């Protein structure tokens, strides 16, 4: 019984770490974009994921900001 509690805790910790890492690395940017579009612009068709990343990288190239790398 204690083993299952430990496994549940480890799983919960892993999910939290994964969520945090995706947020820090920006891997969840497309999901956030989709949520924003559904909430603020429900009448518009959102970009597909490939177009989203292409647009984001182009915007970053046009608007350089301080980055670690």
Protein backbone atom coordinates (compact mmCIF):
# COMPACT_ATOMS: atom_id res chain seq x y z
CA UNK A 1 0.00 0.00 0.00
CA UNK A 2 2.81 2.43 0.85
CA UNK A 3 4.44 1.69 -2.50
CA UNK A 4 1.41 2.94 -4.37
CA UNK A 5 1.46 6.21 -2.39
CA UNK A 6 5.12 6.62 -3.22
CA UNK A 7 4.50 5.92 -6.90
CA UNK A 8 1.62 8.41 -6.94
CA UNK A 9 3.87 11.05 -5.38
CA UNK A 10 6.65 10.37 -7.87
CA UNK A 11 4.21 10.59 -10.78
CA UNK A 12 2.79 13.86 -9.47
CA UNK A 13 6.29 15.27 -9.04
CA UNK A 14 7.28 14.21 -12.55
CA UNK A 15 4.18 15.85 -14.06
CA UNK A 16 4.88 19.07 -12.15
CA UNK A 17 8.51 19.09 -13.30
CA UNK A 18 7.44 18.45 -16.90
CA UNK A 19 4.86 21.27 -16.74
CA UNK A 20 7.47 23.66 -15.32
CA UNK A 21 10.12 22.73 -17.90
CA UNK A 22 7.70 23.17 -20.79
CA UNK A 23 6.75 26.60 -19.48
CA UNK A 24 10.35 27.71 -19.06
CA UNK A 25 11.39 26.41 -22.48
CA UNK A 26 8.31 27.80 -24.21
CA UNK A 27 7.14 24.41 -25.46
CA UNK A 28 3.61 25.24 -24.36
CA UNK A 29 3.46 28.46 -26.41
CA UNK A 30 1.26 26.96 -29.13
CA UNK A 31 -1.24 25.63 -26.59
CA UNK A 32 -1.37 29.05 -24.93
CA UNK A 33 -1.90 30.62 -28.36
CA UNK A 34 -4.81 28.26 -29.08
CA UNK A 35 -6.38 29.05 -25.71
CA UNK A 36 -5.97 32.78 -26.37
CA UNK A 37 -7.53 32.50 -29.83
CA UNK A 38 -10.50 30.52 -28.51
CA UNK A 39 -11.07 33.01 -25.69
CA UNK A 40 -10.38 36.35 -27.40
CA UNK A 41 -10.89 35.68 -31.13
CA UNK A 42 -13.39 32.80 -31.38
CA UNK A 43 -14.48 33.95 -34.85
CA UNK A 44 -10.97 33.57 -36.34
CA UNK A 45 -9.28 30.37 -37.46
CA UNK A 46 -5.99 29.94 -35.57
CA UNK A 47 -2.73 29.22 -37.39
CA UNK A 48 -1.64 25.63 -37.59
CA UNK A 49 1.30 24.71 -35.36
CA UNK A 50 3.93 24.93 -38.08
CA UNK A 51 2.79 28.40 -39.14
CA UNK A 52 2.66 29.49 -35.50
CA UNK A 53 6.30 28.56 -34.83
CA UNK A 54 7.44 30.11 -38.11
CA UNK A 55 5.64 33.35 -37.23
CA UNK A 56 6.99 33.35 -33.67
CA UNK A 57 10.59 32.85 -34.81
CA UNK A 58 10.22 35.56 -37.46
CA UNK A 59 8.85 37.95 -34.81
CA UNK A 60 11.79 37.14 -32.52
CA UNK A 61 14.24 37.81 -35.35
CA UNK A 62 12.62 41.21 -36.01
CA UNK A 63 12.45 42.09 -32.30
CA UNK A 64 15.65 40.88 -30.62
CA UNK A 65 15.46 40.80 -26.85
CA UNK A 66 17.90 39.92 -24.14
CA UNK A 67 18.27 36.13 -24.02
CA UNK A 68 20.64 33.82 -22.26
CA UNK A 69 21.79 32.19 -25.51
